């Protein structure tokens, strides 16, 4: 089975694979061209949601430690003034960076529209990729036969930002 890297589930797999590799402290390539269907679905449907849930719990606890603990130790007014000052400075710096990024994004979108128009003229027809539910159906059939078929991920040109 060949999957197109422009499909949302393949992009989710590649992104999830990066999370999986970072969680396991492995230095593998973030791009896999050939894998099997079982690993594809395991990373997509089990590992990534589990790791994301653990991160949400961890960051929630950290936020609680940095907000509730100082408030109980130093009082609400001192904490509010200090936190408000820090938030104000961070928002000011973030606003300046966001304005610069907005200008860069506007210029990038202009070039991207031009490039896509040229590419659409060159590409006449692109074959359709299987849907995610079709992939799940093939996985169920493979599990019944006690096999795990190989899948290939077809790589396309990456859009280059200049």
Protein backbone atom coordinates (compact mmCIF):
# COMPACT_ATOMS: atom_id res chain seq x y z
CA UNK A 1 0.00 0.00 0.00
CA UNK A 2 1.35 3.43 -0.90
CA UNK A 3 0.31 6.48 1.09
CA UNK A 4 0.63 10.08 -0.01
CA UNK A 5 2.41 12.43 2.40
CA UNK A 6 -0.09 15.18 1.56
CA UNK A 7 -2.89 13.32 3.39
CA UNK A 8 -3.74 14.45 6.93
CA UNK A 9 -3.28 11.01 8.49
CA UNK A 10 0.21 10.62 7.02
CA UNK A 11 1.18 14.06 8.27
CA UNK A 12 -0.26 13.14 11.70
CA UNK A 13 1.81 9.91 11.63
CA UNK A 14 5.02 11.76 10.78
CA UNK A 15 4.36 14.38 13.45
CA UNK A 16 3.46 11.66 15.96
CA UNK A 17 6.61 9.77 15.03
CA UNK A 18 8.63 12.82 15.98
CA UNK A 19 6.89 12.92 19.37
CA UNK A 20 7.41 9.18 19.81
CA UNK A 21 11.12 9.44 18.99
CA UNK A 22 11.60 12.41 21.33
CA UNK A 23 9.76 10.64 24.15
CA UNK A 24 11.94 7.54 23.78
CA UNK A 25 15.15 9.62 23.36
CA UNK A 26 15.93 7.96 20.08
CA UNK A 27 17.85 9.67 17.35
CA UNK A 28 16.05 8.22 14.36
CA UNK A 29 15.19 9.99 11.16
CA UNK A 30 11.93 11.91 11.38
CA UNK A 31 11.11 10.77 7.89
CA UNK A 32 10.17 7.13 7.37
CA UNK A 33 9.67 6.03 3.80
CA UNK A 34 8.83 2.41 4.50
CA UNK A 35 7.04 0.95 7.53
CA UNK A 36 4.22 -1.47 8.28
CA UNK A 37 0.55 -0.83 8.86
CA UNK A 38 0.55 -1.99 12.49
CA UNK A 39 3.28 0.45 13.52
CA UNK A 40 1.58 3.22 11.53
CA UNK A 41 -1.71 2.80 13.43
CA UNK A 42 -0.02 2.16 16.79
CA UNK A 43 1.91 5.43 16.61
CA UNK A 44 -1.05 7.35 15.23
CA UNK A 45 -3.81 6.08 17.52
CA UNK A 46 -2.04 4.96 20.71
CA UNK A 47 1.39 6.46 21.35
CA UNK A 48 0.81 10.07 20.27
CA UNK A 49 -2.48 10.56 22.18
CA UNK A 50 -0.97 8.92 25.27
CA UNK A 51 2.14 11.10 25.18
CA UNK A 52 0.07 14.24 24.55
CA UNK A 53 -2.19 13.38 27.52
CA UNK A 54 0.85 12.91 29.76
CA UNK A 55 2.21 16.28 28.63
CA UNK A 56 -1.11 18.01 29.38
CA UNK A 57 -1.10 16.53 32.90
CA UNK A 58 2.54 17.52 33.48
CA UNK A 59 2.08 21.09 32.25
CA UNK A 60 -1.13 21.43 34.25
CA UNK A 61 0.75 20.47 37.41
CA UNK A 62 3.56 22.89 36.58
CA UNK A 63 1.10 25.74 36.07
CA UNK A 64 -0.52 24.91 39.40
CA UNK A 65 2.88 24.92 41.14
CA UNK A 66 3.85 28.28 39.64
CA UNK A 67 0.54 29.96 40.43
CA UNK A 68 -0.94 28.46 43.58
CA UNK A 69 2.26 27.96 45.58
CA UNK A 70 3.60 31.56 45.31
CA UNK A 71 0.13 32.93 46.05
CA UNK A 72 -0.09 30.98 49.27
CA UNK A 73 3.49 31.86 50.28
CA UNK A 74 3.60 35.59 49.41
CA UNK A 75 -0.04 36.66 49.18
CA UNK A 76 -2.27 37.53 46.28
CA UNK A 77 -1.40 41.23 45.80
CA UNK A 78 2.39 40.80 45.59
CA UNK A 79 1.96 37.85 43.27
CA UNK A 80 -0.49 39.76 41.05
CA UNK A 81 1.85 42.75 40.68
CA UNK A 82 4.87 40.61 39.86
CA UNK A 83 3.01 38.30 37.50
CA UNK A 84 1.28 41.26 35.80
CA UNK A 85 4.62 42.97 35.16
CA UNK A 86 6.15 39.82 33.73
CA UNK A 87 3.10 39.15 31.55
CA UNK A 88 3.14 42.77 30.32
CA UNK A 89 6.78 42.59 29.22
CA UNK A 90 6.27 39.18 27.57
CA UNK A 91 3.16 40.39 25.70
CA UNK A 92 4.99 43.50 24.48
CA UNK A 93 7.89 41.44 23.10
CA UNK A 94 5.47 38.90 21.63
CA UNK A 95 3.50 41.67 19.91
CA UNK A 96 6.61 43.04 18.21
CA UNK A 97 7.62 39.56 17.03
CA UNK A 98 4.06 38.80 15.86
CA UNK A 99 3.96 41.97 13.77
CA UNK A 100 7.24 41.01 12.07
CA UNK A 101 6.01 37.47 11.48
CA UNK A 102 2.77 38.81 10.00
CA UNK A 103 4.70 40.80 7.39
CA UNK A 104 6.88 37.78 6.56
CA UNK A 105 3.80 35.53 6.31
CA UNK A 106 2.07 37.99 3.99
CA UNK A 107 5.09 37.99 1.68
CA UNK A 108 5.33 34.20 1.85
CA UNK A 109 1.64 33.74 1.01
CA UNK A 110 2.02 35.98 -2.03
CA UNK A 111 4.90 33.86 -3.35
CA UNK A 112 3.09 30.64 -2.46
CA UNK A 113 -0.06 31.65 -4.39
CA UNK A 114 2.07 32.39 -7.43
CA UNK A 115 3.93 29.08 -7.10
CA UNK A 116 0.70 27.07 -6.64
CA UNK A 117 -0.85 28.67 -9.70
CA UNK A 118 2.15 27.60 -11.78
CA UNK A 119 2.08 24.11 -10.26
CA UNK A 120 -1.65 23.62 -10.91
CA UNK A 121 -1.06 24.39 -14.56
CA UNK A 122 1.67 21.74 -14.67
CA UNK A 123 -0.27 19.02 -12.80
CA UNK A 124 -3.28 17.76 -14.66
CA UNK A 125 -4.49 14.89 -12.49
CA UNK A 126 -3.39 13.47 -9.15
CA UNK A 127 -4.58 9.95 -8.20
CA UNK A 128 -6.65 9.75 -5.03
CA UNK A 129 -5.16 8.26 -1.87
CA UNK A 130 -7.05 5.84 0.39
CA UNK A 131 -9.05 7.39 3.20
CA UNK A 132 -8.19 6.78 6.83
CA UNK A 133 -11.19 4.49 7.27
CA UNK A 134 -10.10 2.41 4.27
CA UNK A 135 -6.71 2.01 5.95
CA UNK A 136 -8.44 0.92 9.18
CA UNK A 137 -10.47 -1.59 7.18
CA UNK A 138 -7.32 -3.03 5.67
CA UNK A 139 -5.79 -3.25 9.13
CA UNK A 140 -8.81 -5.19 10.46
CA UNK A 141 -8.57 -7.59 7.51
CA UNK A 142 -4.83 -8.00 8.10
CA UNK A 143 -5.39 -8.70 11.81
CA UNK A 144 -7.85 -11.43 10.93
CA UNK A 145 -5.22 -13.01 8.68
CA UNK A 146 -2.53 -12.42 11.38
CA UNK A 147 -0.28 -10.38 9.08
CA UNK A 148 0.80 -6.78 8.99
CA UNK A 149 1.25 -5.42 5.44
CA UNK A 150 3.98 -3.02 4.48
CA UNK A 151 3.20 0.53 3.53
CA UNK A 152 5.24 2.99 1.54
CA UNK A 153 5.02 6.72 2.08
CA UNK A 154 5.30 8.64 -1.15
CA UNK A 155 7.24 11.83 -0.60
CA UNK A 156 6.43 14.98 -2.53
CA UNK A 157 8.30 18.24 -2.85
CA UNK A 158 8.34 20.30 0.29
CA UNK A 159 7.27 23.91 -0.03
CA UNK A 160 10.34 26.01 0.55
CA UNK A 161 10.02 29.31 2.38
CA UNK A 162 12.46 31.89 1.16
